């Protein structure tokens, strides 16, 4: 069995690491969290996210939304 670090698994720990991954400022990431369902959560005072979830979030922003039939 191979031991993998959190970074290899895609885990992002701390706001600085999330900002670095996104190449965005902290206020921008906070705005994304509050208004755009950005996949990050503060747990025991530490911001956590995942690179795979962020890729899915970005892709969802690009795809057209399904419209309800009337």
C-alpha atoms as a PDB file:
ATOM      1  CA  UNK A   1       0.000   0.000   0.000  1.00  0.00           C
ATOM      2  CA  UNK A   2       1.268   3.452  -0.920  1.00  0.00           C
ATOM      3  CA  UNK A   3       1.018   6.258   1.622  1.00  0.00           C
ATOM      4  CA  UNK A   4      -0.240   9.443   0.030  1.00  0.00           C
ATOM      5  CA  UNK A   5       0.009  12.927   1.427  1.00  0.00           C
ATOM      6  CA  UNK A   6      -3.049  15.178   1.688  1.00  0.00           C
ATOM      7  CA  UNK A   7      -1.761  17.270  -1.225  1.00  0.00           C
ATOM      8  CA  UNK A   8      -1.486  14.197  -3.449  1.00  0.00           C
ATOM      9  CA  UNK A   9      -5.088  13.323  -2.604  1.00  0.00           C
ATOM     10  CA  UNK A  10      -6.203  16.817  -3.598  1.00  0.00           C
ATOM     11  CA  UNK A  11      -6.869  18.032  -0.068  1.00  0.00           C
ATOM     12  CA  UNK A  12      -6.322  21.761   0.400  1.00  0.00           C
ATOM     13  CA  UNK A  13      -5.764  22.838   3.993  1.00  0.00           C
ATOM     14  CA  UNK A  14      -5.873  26.473   4.992  1.00  0.00           C
ATOM     15  CA  UNK A  15      -7.098  29.560   3.191  1.00  0.00           C
ATOM     16  CA  UNK A  16      -3.622  30.359   1.838  1.00  0.00           C
ATOM     17  CA  UNK A  17      -3.402  26.980   0.110  1.00  0.00           C
ATOM     18  CA  UNK A  18      -6.923  27.339  -1.314  1.00  0.00           C
ATOM     19  CA  UNK A  19      -6.091  30.853  -2.572  1.00  0.00           C
ATOM     20  CA  UNK A  20      -2.840  29.642  -4.107  1.00  0.00           C
ATOM     21  CA  UNK A  21      -4.622  26.776  -5.875  1.00  0.00           C
ATOM     22  CA  UNK A  22      -7.283  29.136  -7.252  1.00  0.00           C
ATOM     23  CA  UNK A  23      -4.850  32.030  -7.859  1.00  0.00           C
ATOM     24  CA  UNK A  24      -7.364  34.326  -6.153  1.00  0.00           C
ATOM     25  CA  UNK A  25      -7.315  36.578  -3.079  1.00  0.00           C
ATOM     26  CA  UNK A  26      -8.857  35.584   0.244  1.00  0.00           C
ATOM     27  CA  UNK A  27     -11.731  38.090  -0.082  1.00  0.00           C
ATOM     28  CA  UNK A  28     -12.561  36.618  -3.495  1.00  0.00           C
ATOM     29  CA  UNK A  29     -12.602  33.060  -2.152  1.00  0.00           C
ATOM     30  CA  UNK A  30     -14.786  34.147   0.791  1.00  0.00           C
ATOM     31  CA  UNK A  31     -17.170  35.795  -1.684  1.00  0.00           C
ATOM     32  CA  UNK A  32     -17.274  32.581  -3.743  1.00  0.00           C
ATOM     33  CA  UNK A  33     -18.060  30.597  -0.574  1.00  0.00           C
ATOM     34  CA  UNK A  34     -20.835  32.976   0.468  1.00  0.00           C
ATOM     35  CA  UNK A  35     -22.473  33.554  -2.904  1.00  0.00           C
ATOM     36  CA  UNK A  36     -21.469  30.810  -5.350  1.00  0.00           C
ATOM     37  CA  UNK A  37     -21.448  27.572  -3.320  1.00  0.00           C
ATOM     38  CA  UNK A  38     -17.658  27.274  -3.508  1.00  0.00           C
ATOM     39  CA  UNK A  39     -16.641  23.895  -1.988  1.00  0.00           C
ATOM     40  CA  UNK A  40     -14.795  24.927   1.167  1.00  0.00           C
ATOM     41  CA  UNK A  41     -15.630  24.735   4.848  1.00  0.00           C
ATOM     42  CA  UNK A  42     -14.058  25.961   8.060  1.00  0.00           C
ATOM     43  CA  UNK A  43     -13.505  23.056  10.457  1.00  0.00           C
ATOM     44  CA  UNK A  44     -12.036  23.694  13.904  1.00  0.00           C
ATOM     45  CA  UNK A  45     -10.749  27.050  12.684  1.00  0.00           C
ATOM     46  CA  UNK A  46      -9.054  25.689   9.540  1.00  0.00           C
ATOM     47  CA  UNK A  47     -10.404  26.166   6.018  1.00  0.00           C
ATOM     48  CA  UNK A  48     -10.602  22.873   4.107  1.00  0.00           C
ATOM     49  CA  UNK A  49     -11.318  22.138   0.469  1.00  0.00           C
ATOM     50  CA  UNK A  50     -10.450  19.633  -2.228  1.00  0.00           C
ATOM     51  CA  UNK A  51      -8.936  20.170  -5.670  1.00  0.00           C
ATOM     52  CA  UNK A  52     -11.278  17.616  -7.255  1.00  0.00           C
ATOM     53  CA  UNK A  53     -14.358  19.325  -5.809  1.00  0.00           C
ATOM     54  CA  UNK A  54     -13.076  22.683  -7.030  1.00  0.00           C
ATOM     55  CA  UNK A  55     -12.598  21.263 -10.547  1.00  0.00           C
ATOM     56  CA  UNK A  56     -16.195  19.977 -10.467  1.00  0.00           C
ATOM     57  CA  UNK A  57     -17.417  23.372  -9.187  1.00  0.00           C
ATOM     58  CA  UNK A  58     -15.605  25.173 -12.016  1.00  0.00           C
ATOM     59  CA  UNK A  59     -17.035  22.770 -14.593  1.00  0.00           C
ATOM     60  CA  UNK A  60     -20.563  23.261 -13.225  1.00  0.00           C
ATOM     61  CA  UNK A  61     -20.162  27.017 -13.749  1.00  0.00           C
ATOM     62  CA  UNK A  62     -19.420  26.405 -17.434  1.00  0.00           C
ATOM     63  CA  UNK A  63     -22.270  24.002 -18.155  1.00  0.00           C
ATOM     64  CA  UNK A  64     -25.685  25.377 -19.081  1.00  0.00           C
ATOM     65  CA  UNK A  65     -28.296  25.006 -16.360  1.00  0.00           C
ATOM     66  CA  UNK A  66     -31.182  22.702 -17.046  1.00  0.00           C
ATOM     67  CA  UNK A  67     -34.340  24.689 -17.496  1.00  0.00           C
ATOM     68  CA  UNK A  68     -37.616  23.543 -16.000  1.00  0.00           C
ATOM     69  CA  UNK A  69     -40.346  22.618 -18.459  1.00  0.00           C
ATOM     70  CA  UNK A  70     -43.492  24.693 -18.196  1.00  0.00           C
END
